[in-house]
Amino acid sequence: MSIITTTNIVEAKSISVVDLMQGKNELILIHSKQRYVLRITRNGKLILTK
């Protein structure tokens, strides 16, 4: 006997890093009263630190 289930998949909102960073290499994010820093490295990688 097999059980088939369905899940509602909600598409996540997408935003380009270029639009998000607005020409900067660092962005401060606040989540649950915590401060996070999103950085673009010299190699073009993203790093999120607390």
C-alpha atoms as a PDB file:
ATOM      1  CA  MET A   1       0.000   0.000   0.000  1.00  0.00           C
ATOM      2  CA  SER A   2       1.395   3.416  -0.928  1.00  0.00           C
ATOM      3  CA  ILE A   3       0.435   6.759   0.552  1.00  0.00           C
ATOM      4  CA  ILE A   4       0.454   9.817  -1.671  1.00  0.00           C
ATOM      5  CA  THR A   5       0.652  13.212  -0.020  1.00  0.00           C
ATOM      6  CA  THR A   6       0.607  16.664  -1.536  1.00  0.00           C
ATOM      7  CA  THR A   7       2.368  19.734  -0.250  1.00  0.00           C
ATOM      8  CA  ASN A   8       1.578  23.317  -1.119  1.00  0.00           C
ATOM      9  CA  ILE A   9       4.762  24.868  -2.444  1.00  0.00           C
ATOM     10  CA  VAL A  10       5.010  28.610  -2.032  1.00  0.00           C
ATOM     11  CA  GLU A  11       7.488  30.289  -4.326  1.00  0.00           C
ATOM     12  CA  ALA A  12      10.006  32.399  -2.447  1.00  0.00           C
ATOM     13  CA  LYS A  13      10.498  36.029  -3.411  1.00  0.00           C
ATOM     14  CA  SER A  14      13.645  36.635  -5.456  1.00  0.00           C
ATOM     15  CA  ILE A  15      15.808  39.732  -5.438  1.00  0.00           C
ATOM     16  CA  SER A  16      19.064  40.314  -7.253  1.00  0.00           C
ATOM     17  CA  VAL A  17      22.121  40.864  -5.061  1.00  0.00           C
ATOM     18  CA  VAL A  18      22.898  43.940  -7.175  1.00  0.00           C
ATOM     19  CA  ASP A  19      19.487  45.404  -6.289  1.00  0.00           C
ATOM     20  CA  LEU A  20      19.791  44.360  -2.652  1.00  0.00           C
ATOM     21  CA  MET A  21      23.278  45.789  -2.105  1.00  0.00           C
ATOM     22  CA  GLN A  22      22.690  48.990  -4.130  1.00  0.00           C
ATOM     23  CA  GLY A  23      26.347  49.365  -5.090  1.00  0.00           C
ATOM     24  CA  LYS A  24      27.714  48.664  -1.599  1.00  0.00           C
ATOM     25  CA  ASN A  25      29.856  45.710  -0.504  1.00  0.00           C
ATOM     26  CA  GLU A  26      28.207  45.419   2.912  1.00  0.00           C
ATOM     27  CA  LEU A  27      24.602  45.332   4.106  1.00  0.00           C
ATOM     28  CA  ILE A  28      23.303  45.162   7.685  1.00  0.00           C
ATOM     29  CA  LEU A  29      20.287  42.920   8.245  1.00  0.00           C
ATOM     30  CA  ILE A  30      18.185  42.845  11.411  1.00  0.00           C
ATOM     31  CA  HIS A  31      16.415  39.575  12.247  1.00  0.00           C
ATOM     32  CA  SER A  32      14.764  38.882  15.612  1.00  0.00           C
ATOM     33  CA  LYS A  33      16.632  41.830  17.145  1.00  0.00           C
ATOM     34  CA  GLN A  34      19.929  40.324  15.978  1.00  0.00           C
ATOM     35  CA  ARG A  35      22.328  42.180  13.668  1.00  0.00           C
ATOM     36  CA  TYR A  36      23.811  40.317  10.702  1.00  0.00           C
ATOM     37  CA  VAL A  37      26.242  41.624   8.094  1.00  0.00           C
ATOM     38  CA  LEU A  38      26.059  40.447   4.488  1.00  0.00           C
ATOM     39  CA  ARG A  39      29.300  41.085   2.602  1.00  0.00           C
ATOM     40  CA  ILE A  40      30.521  40.590  -0.947  1.00  0.00           C
ATOM     41  CA  THR A  41      34.141  39.413  -0.915  1.00  0.00           C
ATOM     42  CA  ARG A  42      36.851  40.454  -3.359  1.00  0.00           C
ATOM     43  CA  ASN A  43      36.214  37.110  -5.096  1.00  0.00           C
ATOM     44  CA  GLY A  44      32.505  37.926  -5.504  1.00  0.00           C
ATOM     45  CA  LYS A  45      31.276  35.466  -2.866  1.00  0.00           C
ATOM     46  CA  LEU A  46      28.623  36.261  -0.255  1.00  0.00           C
ATOM     47  CA  ILE A  47      29.370  35.949   3.449  1.00  0.00           C
ATOM     48  CA  LEU A  48      26.764  36.366   6.192  1.00  0.00           C
ATOM     49  CA  THR A  49      28.149  36.945   9.700  1.00  0.00           C
ATOM     50  CA  LYS A  50      26.539  37.656  13.035  1.00  0.00           C
END
